[in-house]
């Protein structure tokens, strides 16, 4: 379903679009649609802490696979921005 929504949002025809031909631009559209459709900004604004990262990870992945690595990377990225 996400693929079809991404293709339609991009103004393409799902019946005539090869999924393998989509670029990073469409991956970003899909991710933004998923993020916005689940109002994850409201959760993200709680802060960059383990609880918030865990909550968002569960929404996106349905579980916590890779969570420890994700927490380390996100905290590293935010330290670079500070």
PDB file of N, CA and C in Angstrom:
ATOM      1  N   UNK A   1       0.816  -1.192   0.000  1.00  0.00           N
ATOM      2  CA  UNK A   1       0.000   0.000   0.000  1.00  0.00           C
ATOM      3  C   UNK A   1       0.861   1.257   0.000  1.00  0.00           C
ATOM      4  N   UNK A   2       1.945   1.283   0.787  1.00  0.00           N
ATOM      5  CA  UNK A   2       2.769   2.484   0.858  1.00  0.00           C
ATOM      6  C   UNK A   2       3.345   2.826  -0.505  1.00  0.00           C
ATOM      7  N   UNK A   3       3.711   1.791  -1.268  1.00  0.00           N
ATOM      8  CA  UNK A   3       4.269   2.027  -2.583  1.00  0.00           C
ATOM      9  C   UNK A   3       3.255   2.735  -3.472  1.00  0.00           C
ATOM     10  N   UNK A   4       2.008   2.269  -3.480  1.00  0.00           N
ATOM     11  CA  UNK A   4       0.985   2.874  -4.323  1.00  0.00           C
ATOM     12  C   UNK A   4       0.740   4.326  -3.927  1.00  0.00           C
ATOM     13  N   UNK A   5       0.676   4.599  -2.631  1.00  0.00           N
ATOM     14  CA  UNK A   5       0.453   5.967  -2.166  1.00  0.00           C
ATOM     15  C   UNK A   5       1.619   6.855  -2.588  1.00  0.00           C
ATOM     16  N   UNK A   6       2.828   6.356  -2.473  1.00  0.00           N
ATOM     17  CA  UNK A   6       4.002   7.123  -2.873  1.00  0.00           C
ATOM     18  C   UNK A   6       3.942   7.445  -4.358  1.00  0.00           C
ATOM     19  N   UNK A   7       3.625   6.462  -5.163  1.00  0.00           N
ATOM     20  CA  UNK A   7       3.569   6.657  -6.608  1.00  0.00           C
ATOM     21  C   UNK A   7       2.473   7.664  -6.962  1.00  0.00           C
ATOM     22  N   UNK A   8       1.318   7.535  -6.368  1.00  0.00           N
ATOM     23  CA  UNK A   8       0.204   8.457  -6.650  1.00  0.00           C
ATOM     24  C   UNK A   8       0.559   9.864  -6.176  1.00  0.00           C
ATOM     25  N   UNK A   9       1.154   9.976  -4.974  1.00  0.00           N
ATOM     26  CA  UNK A   9       1.554  11.280  -4.446  1.00  0.00           C
ATOM     27  C   UNK A   9       2.558  11.958  -5.369  1.00  0.00           C
ATOM     28  N   UNK A  10       3.412  11.173  -5.978  1.00  0.00           N
ATOM     29  CA  UNK A  10       4.423  11.708  -6.902  1.00  0.00           C
ATOM     30  C   UNK A  10       3.829  12.024  -8.277  1.00  0.00           C
ATOM     31  N   UNK A  11       2.544  11.732  -8.462  1.00  0.00           N
ATOM     32  CA  UNK A  11       1.896  12.025  -9.733  1.00  0.00           C
ATOM     33  C   UNK A  11       2.157  10.988 -10.813  1.00  0.00           C
ATOM     34  N   UNK A  12       2.517   9.773 -10.394  1.00  0.00           N
ATOM     35  CA  UNK A  12       2.787   8.698 -11.347  1.00  0.00           C
ATOM     36  C   UNK A  12       1.628   7.716 -11.386  1.00  0.00           C
ATOM     37  N   UNK A  13       1.609   6.882 -12.391  1.00  0.00           N
ATOM     38  CA  UNK A  13       0.579   5.857 -12.549  1.00  0.00           C
ATOM     39  C   UNK A  13       1.094   4.535 -11.981  1.00  0.00           C
ATOM     40  N   UNK A  14       0.475   4.015 -10.906  1.00  0.00           N
ATOM     41  CA  UNK A  14       0.953   2.769 -10.298  1.00  0.00           C
ATOM     42  C   UNK A  14       0.990   1.591 -11.264  1.00  0.00           C
ATOM     43  N   UNK A  15       0.052   1.546 -12.201  1.00  0.00           N
ATOM     44  CA  UNK A  15      -0.010   0.416 -13.132  1.00  0.00           C
ATOM     45  C   UNK A  15       1.152   0.420 -14.114  1.00  0.00           C
ATOM     46  N   UNK A  16       1.741   1.591 -14.323  1.00  0.00           N
ATOM     47  CA  UNK A  16       2.805   1.702 -15.319  1.00  0.00           C
ATOM     48  C   UNK A  16       4.140   2.147 -14.718  1.00  0.00           C
ATOM     49  N   UNK A  17       4.314   1.941 -13.421  1.00  0.00           N
ATOM     50  CA  UNK A  17       5.551   2.346 -12.758  1.00  0.00           C
ATOM     51  C   UNK A  17       6.216   1.131 -12.133  1.00  0.00           C
ATOM     52  N   UNK A  18       7.445   0.892 -12.528  1.00  0.00           N
ATOM     53  CA  UNK A  18       8.223  -0.211 -11.981  1.00  0.00           C
ATOM     54  C   UNK A  18       8.744   0.193 -10.601  1.00  0.00           C
ATOM     55  N   UNK A  19       8.428  -0.566  -9.544  1.00  0.00           N
ATOM     56  CA  UNK A  19       8.888  -0.197  -8.202  1.00  0.00           C
ATOM     57  C   UNK A  19      10.407  -0.041  -8.109  1.00  0.00           C
ATOM     58  N   UNK A  20      11.137  -0.781  -8.901  1.00  0.00           N
ATOM     59  CA  UNK A  20      12.588  -0.720  -8.846  1.00  0.00           C
ATOM     60  C   UNK A  20      13.136   0.548  -9.495  1.00  0.00           C
ATOM     61  N   UNK A  21      12.284   1.264 -10.236  1.00  0.00           N
ATOM     62  CA  UNK A  21      12.751   2.472 -10.917  1.00  0.00           C
ATOM     63  C   UNK A  21      12.647   3.708 -10.030  1.00  0.00           C
ATOM     64  N   UNK A  22      12.032   3.575  -8.882  1.00  0.00           N
ATOM     65  CA  UNK A  22      11.848   4.728  -8.016  1.00  0.00           C
ATOM     66  C   UNK A  22      13.174   5.125  -7.365  1.00  0.00           C
ATOM     67  N   UNK A  23      13.378   6.403  -7.210  1.00  0.00           N
ATOM     68  CA  UNK A  23      14.632   6.927  -6.690  1.00  0.00           C
ATOM     69  C   UNK A  23      14.513   7.278  -5.214  1.00  0.00           C
ATOM     70  N   UNK A  24      15.591   7.776  -4.664  1.00  0.00           N
ATOM     71  CA  UNK A  24      15.588   8.212  -3.273  1.00  0.00           C
ATOM     72  C   UNK A  24      14.551   9.300  -3.019  1.00  0.00           C
ATOM     73  N   UNK A  25      14.261  10.098  -4.042  1.00  0.00           N
ATOM     74  CA  UNK A  25      13.238  11.133  -3.902  1.00  0.00           C
ATOM     75  C   UNK A  25      11.907  10.510  -3.482  1.00  0.00           C
ATOM     76  N   UNK A  26      11.544   9.408  -4.104  1.00  0.00           N
ATOM     77  CA  UNK A  26      10.278   8.764  -3.792  1.00  0.00           C
ATOM     78  C   UNK A  26      10.348   8.033  -2.447  1.00  0.00           C
ATOM     79  N   UNK A  27      11.519   7.548  -2.102  1.00  0.00           N
ATOM     80  CA  UNK A  27      11.687   6.941  -0.781  1.00  0.00           C
ATOM     81  C   UNK A  27      11.438   7.993   0.290  1.00  0.00           C
ATOM     82  N   UNK A  28      11.912   9.203   0.058  1.00  0.00           N
ATOM     83  CA  UNK A  28      11.702  10.290   1.010  1.00  0.00           C
ATOM     84  C   UNK A  28      10.223  10.664   1.092  1.00  0.00           C
ATOM     85  N   UNK A  29       9.547  10.707  -0.041  1.00  0.00           N
ATOM     86  CA  UNK A  29       8.114  10.999  -0.055  1.00  0.00           C
ATOM     87  C   UNK A  29       7.365   9.942   0.759  1.00  0.00           C
ATOM     88  N   UNK A  30       7.709   8.693   0.553  1.00  0.00           N
ATOM     89  CA  UNK A  30       7.064   7.598   1.263  1.00  0.00           C
ATOM     90  C   UNK A  30       7.304   7.701   2.769  1.00  0.00           C
ATOM     91  N   UNK A  31       8.549   7.966   3.146  1.00  0.00           N
ATOM     92  CA  UNK A  31       8.882   8.081   4.571  1.00  0.00           C
ATOM     93  C   UNK A  31       8.149   9.258   5.206  1.00  0.00           C
ATOM     94  N   UNK A  32       8.099  10.383   4.498  1.00  0.00           N
ATOM     95  CA  UNK A  32       7.401  11.564   5.029  1.00  0.00           C
ATOM     96  C   UNK A  32       5.907  11.295   5.169  1.00  0.00           C
ATOM     97  N   UNK A  33       5.333  10.593   4.195  1.00  0.00           N
ATOM     98  CA  UNK A  33       3.913  10.254   4.268  1.00  0.00           C
ATOM     99  C   UNK A  33       3.637   9.357   5.479  1.00  0.00           C
ATOM    100  N   UNK A  34       4.478   8.360   5.687  1.00  0.00           N
ATOM    101  CA  UNK A  34       4.321   7.447   6.816  1.00  0.00           C
ATOM    102  C   UNK A  34       4.465   8.204   8.131  1.00  0.00           C
ATOM    103  N   UNK A  35       5.512   9.024   8.244  1.00  0.00           N
ATOM    104  CA  UNK A  35       5.790   9.794   9.455  1.00  0.00           C
ATOM    105  C   UNK A  35       4.625  10.739   9.767  1.00  0.00           C
ATOM    106  N   UNK A  36       4.192  11.490   8.760  1.00  0.00           N
ATOM    107  CA  UNK A  36       3.104  12.455   8.957  1.00  0.00           C
ATOM    108  C   UNK A  36       1.776  11.788   9.252  1.00  0.00           C
ATOM    109  N   UNK A  37       1.518  10.675   8.591  1.00  0.00           N
ATOM    110  CA  UNK A  37       0.259   9.967   8.791  1.00  0.00           C
ATOM    111  C   UNK A  37       0.115   9.371  10.174  1.00  0.00           C
ATOM    112  N   UNK A  38       1.213   9.223  10.867  1.00  0.00           N
ATOM    113  CA  UNK A  38       1.186   8.678  12.228  1.00  0.00           C
ATOM    114  C   UNK A  38       1.515   9.749  13.264  1.00  0.00           C
ATOM    115  N   UNK A  39       1.560  11.008  12.811  1.00  0.00           N
ATOM    116  CA  UNK A  39       1.798  12.165  13.685  1.00  0.00           C
ATOM    117  C   UNK A  39       3.036  11.960  14.562  1.00  0.00           C
ATOM    118  N   UNK A  40       4.114  11.453  13.963  1.00  0.00           N
ATOM    119  CA  UNK A  40       5.312  11.161  14.741  1.00  0.00           C
ATOM    120  C   UNK A  40       6.067  12.408  15.189  1.00  0.00           C
ATOM    121  N   UNK A  41       5.789  13.566  14.567  1.00  0.00           N
ATOM    122  CA  UNK A  41       6.415  14.790  15.057  1.00  0.00           C
ATOM    123  C   UNK A  41       6.022  15.057  16.503  1.00  0.00           C
ATOM    124  N   UNK A  42       4.765  14.821  16.838  1.00  0.00           N
ATOM    125  CA  UNK A  42       4.311  15.050  18.213  1.00  0.00           C
ATOM    126  C   UNK A  42       5.111  14.204  19.194  1.00  0.00           C
ATOM    127  N   UNK A  43       5.410  12.981  18.811  1.00  0.00           N
ATOM    128  CA  UNK A  43       6.218  12.099  19.657  1.00  0.00           C
ATOM    129  C   UNK A  43       7.668  12.564  19.676  1.00  0.00           C
ATOM    130  N   UNK A  44       8.199  12.913  18.517  1.00  0.00           N
ATOM    131  CA  UNK A  44       9.604  13.325  18.416  1.00  0.00           C
ATOM    132  C   UNK A  44       9.887  14.585  19.221  1.00  0.00           C
ATOM    133  N   UNK A  45       8.919  15.480  19.311  1.00  0.00           N
ATOM    134  CA  UNK A  45       9.123  16.720  20.057  1.00  0.00           C
ATOM    135  C   UNK A  45       9.280  16.481  21.558  1.00  0.00           C
ATOM    136  N   UNK A  46       9.018  15.271  22.024  1.00  0.00           N
ATOM    137  CA  UNK A  46       9.197  14.951  23.445  1.00  0.00           C
ATOM    138  C   UNK A  46      10.675  14.992  23.821  1.00  0.00           C
ATOM    139  N   UNK A  47      11.556  14.842  22.854  1.00  0.00           N
ATOM    140  CA  UNK A  47      12.984  14.912  23.118  1.00  0.00           C
ATOM    141  C   UNK A  47      13.722  13.706  22.580  1.00  0.00           C
ATOM    142  N   UNK A  48      15.023  13.857  22.536  1.00  0.00           N
ATOM    143  CA  UNK A  48      15.856  12.767  22.046  1.00  0.00           C
ATOM    144  C   UNK A  48      16.366  12.007  23.258  1.00  0.00           C
ATOM    145  N   UNK A  49      15.558  11.088  23.687  1.00  0.00           N
ATOM    146  CA  UNK A  49      15.938  10.221  24.798  1.00  0.00           C
ATOM    147  C   UNK A  49      15.564   8.792  24.432  1.00  0.00           C
ATOM    148  N   UNK A  50      15.996   7.860  25.239  1.00  0.00           N
ATOM    149  CA  UNK A  50      15.778   6.444  24.943  1.00  0.00           C
ATOM    150  C   UNK A  50      14.297   6.109  24.816  1.00  0.00           C
ATOM    151  N   UNK A  51      13.467   6.676  25.667  1.00  0.00           N
ATOM    152  CA  UNK A  51      12.027   6.378  25.638  1.00  0.00           C
ATOM    153  C   UNK A  51      11.385   6.849  24.331  1.00  0.00           C
ATOM    154  N   UNK A  52      11.744   8.045  23.892  1.00  0.00           N
ATOM    155  CA  UNK A  52      11.172   8.592  22.656  1.00  0.00           C
ATOM    156  C   UNK A  52      11.642   7.801  21.441  1.00  0.00           C
ATOM    157  N   UNK A  53      12.932   7.509  21.384  1.00  0.00           N
ATOM    158  CA  UNK A  53      13.472   6.732  20.263  1.00  0.00           C
ATOM    159  C   UNK A  53      12.829   5.349  20.220  1.00  0.00           C
ATOM    160  N   UNK A  54      12.641   4.751  21.372  1.00  0.00           N
ATOM    161  CA  UNK A  54      12.002   3.426  21.446  1.00  0.00           C
ATOM    162  C   UNK A  54      10.565   3.488  20.949  1.00  0.00           C
ATOM    163  N   UNK A  55       9.832   4.499  21.368  1.00  0.00           N
ATOM    164  CA  UNK A  55       8.421   4.634  20.972  1.00  0.00           C
ATOM    165  C   UNK A  55       8.299   4.797  19.453  1.00  0.00           C
ATOM    166  N   UNK A  56       9.118   5.660  18.877  1.00  0.00           N
ATOM    167  CA  UNK A  56       9.060   5.879  17.431  1.00  0.00           C
ATOM    168  C   UNK A  56       9.502   4.627  16.680  1.00  0.00           C
ATOM    169  N   UNK A  57      10.529   3.954  17.177  1.00  0.00           N
ATOM    170  CA  UNK A  57      11.001   2.715  16.550  1.00  0.00           C
ATOM    171  C   UNK A  57       9.900   1.672  16.516  1.00  0.00           C
ATOM    172  N   UNK A  58       9.145   1.546  17.586  1.00  0.00           N
ATOM    173  CA  UNK A  58       8.052   0.560  17.620  1.00  0.00           C
ATOM    174  C   UNK A  58       6.973   0.893  16.601  1.00  0.00           C
ATOM    175  N   UNK A  59       6.694   2.178  16.414  1.00  0.00           N
ATOM    176  CA  UNK A  59       5.687   2.564  15.415  1.00  0.00           C
ATOM    177  C   UNK A  59       6.186   2.232  14.015  1.00  0.00           C
ATOM    178  N   UNK A  60       7.434   2.557  13.729  1.00  0.00           N
ATOM    179  CA  UNK A  60       7.973   2.366  12.380  1.00  0.00           C
ATOM    180  C   UNK A  60       8.256   0.898  12.089  1.00  0.00           C
ATOM    181  N   UNK A  61       8.901   0.214  13.025  1.00  0.00           N
ATOM    182  CA  UNK A  61       9.346  -1.164  12.778  1.00  0.00           C
ATOM    183  C   UNK A  61       8.426  -2.227  13.353  1.00  0.00           C
ATOM    184  N   UNK A  62       7.518  -1.843  14.207  1.00  0.00           N
ATOM    185  CA  UNK A  62       6.640  -2.828  14.838  1.00  0.00           C
ATOM    186  C   UNK A  62       7.318  -3.568  15.987  1.00  0.00           C
ATOM    187  N   UNK A  63       8.513  -3.158  16.339  1.00  0.00           N
ATOM    188  CA  UNK A  63       9.260  -3.800  17.418  1.00  0.00           C
ATOM    189  C   UNK A  63      10.520  -3.021  17.699  1.00  0.00           C
ATOM    190  N   UNK A  64      11.476  -3.671  18.337  1.00  0.00           N
ATOM    191  CA  UNK A  64      12.687  -2.965  18.735  1.00  0.00           C
ATOM    192  C   UNK A  64      13.958  -3.542  18.112  1.00  0.00           C
ATOM    193  N   UNK A  65      13.838  -4.224  17.001  1.00  0.00           N
ATOM    194  CA  UNK A  65      15.003  -4.779  16.327  1.00  0.00           C
ATOM    195  C   UNK A  65      15.969  -3.654  15.931  1.00  0.00           C
ATOM    196  N   UNK A  66      17.218  -3.772  16.337  1.00  0.00           N
ATOM    197  CA  UNK A  66      18.221  -2.767  16.013  1.00  0.00           C
ATOM    198  C   UNK A  66      18.157  -1.514  16.864  1.00  0.00           C
ATOM    199  N   UNK A  67      17.388  -1.550  17.933  1.00  0.00           N
ATOM    200  CA  UNK A  67      17.162  -0.353  18.744  1.00  0.00           C
ATOM    201  C   UNK A  67      18.448   0.201  19.352  1.00  0.00           C
ATOM    202  N   UNK A  68      19.288  -0.639  19.920  1.00  0.00           N
ATOM    203  CA  UNK A  68      20.501  -0.147  20.582  1.00  0.00           C
ATOM    204  C   UNK A  68      21.385   0.638  19.612  1.00  0.00           C
ATOM    205  N   UNK A  69      21.566   0.105  18.412  1.00  0.00           N
ATOM    206  CA  UNK A  69      22.356   0.786  17.395  1.00  0.00           C
ATOM    207  C   UNK A  69      21.691   2.106  16.997  1.00  0.00           C
ATOM    208  N   UNK A  70      20.386   2.105  16.855  1.00  0.00           N
ATOM    209  CA  UNK A  70      19.636   3.305  16.467  1.00  0.00           C
ATOM    210  C   UNK A  70      19.792   4.396  17.524  1.00  0.00           C
ATOM    211  N   UNK A  71      19.709   4.022  18.797  1.00  0.00           N
ATOM    212  CA  UNK A  71      19.845   5.003  19.875  1.00  0.00           C
ATOM    213  C   UNK A  71      21.224   5.653  19.824  1.00  0.00           C
ATOM    214  N   UNK A  72      22.261   4.842  19.670  1.00  0.00           N
ATOM    215  CA  UNK A  72      23.631   5.377  19.604  1.00  0.00           C
ATOM    216  C   UNK A  72      23.776   6.339  18.429  1.00  0.00           C
ATOM    217  N   UNK A  73      23.287   5.946  17.258  1.00  0.00           N
ATOM    218  CA  UNK A  73      23.428   6.790  16.066  1.00  0.00           C
ATOM    219  C   UNK A  73      22.639   8.083  16.181  1.00  0.00           C
ATOM    220  N   UNK A  74      21.415   8.008  16.647  1.00  0.00           N
ATOM    221  CA  UNK A  74      20.596   9.221  16.771  1.00  0.00           C
ATOM    222  C   UNK A  74      21.221  10.184  17.762  1.00  0.00           C
ATOM    223  N   UNK A  75      21.677   9.671  18.891  1.00  0.00           N
ATOM    224  CA  UNK A  75      22.308  10.554  19.877  1.00  0.00           C
ATOM    225  C   UNK A  75      23.592  11.172  19.315  1.00  0.00           C
ATOM    226  N   UNK A  76      24.332  10.402  18.533  1.00  0.00           N
ATOM    227  CA  UNK A  76      25.555  10.928  17.898  1.00  0.00           C
ATOM    228  C   UNK A  76      25.205  12.053  16.925  1.00  0.00           C
ATOM    229  N   UNK A  77      24.168  11.853  16.095  1.00  0.00           N
ATOM    230  CA  UNK A  77      23.762  12.864  15.124  1.00  0.00           C
ATOM    231  C   UNK A  77      23.318  14.134  15.827  1.00  0.00           C
ATOM    232  N   UNK A  78      22.568  14.000  16.903  1.00  0.00           N
ATOM    233  CA  UNK A  78      22.099  15.190  17.605  1.00  0.00           C
ATOM    234  C   UNK A  78      23.243  15.897  18.328  1.00  0.00           C
ATOM    235  N   UNK A  79      24.231  15.158  18.787  1.00  0.00           N
ATOM    236  CA  UNK A  79      25.409  15.784  19.395  1.00  0.00           C
ATOM    237  C   UNK A  79      26.156  16.626  18.344  1.00  0.00           C
ATOM    238  N   UNK A  80      26.193  16.142  17.110  1.00  0.00           N
ATOM    239  CA  UNK A  80      26.850  16.892  16.031  1.00  0.00           C
ATOM    240  C   UNK A  80      26.114  18.191  15.729  1.00  0.00           C
ATOM    241  N   UNK A  81      24.797  18.192  15.897  1.00  0.00           N
ATOM    242  CA  UNK A  81      23.992  19.374  15.616  1.00  0.00           C
ATOM    243  C   UNK A  81      24.050  20.408  16.740  1.00  0.00           C
ATOM    244  N   UNK A  82      24.433  19.962  17.925  1.00  0.00           N
ATOM    245  CA  UNK A  82      24.425  20.869  19.089  1.00  0.00           C
ATOM    246  C   UNK A  82      25.585  21.832  19.071  1.00  0.00           C
TER     247      UNK A  82
END
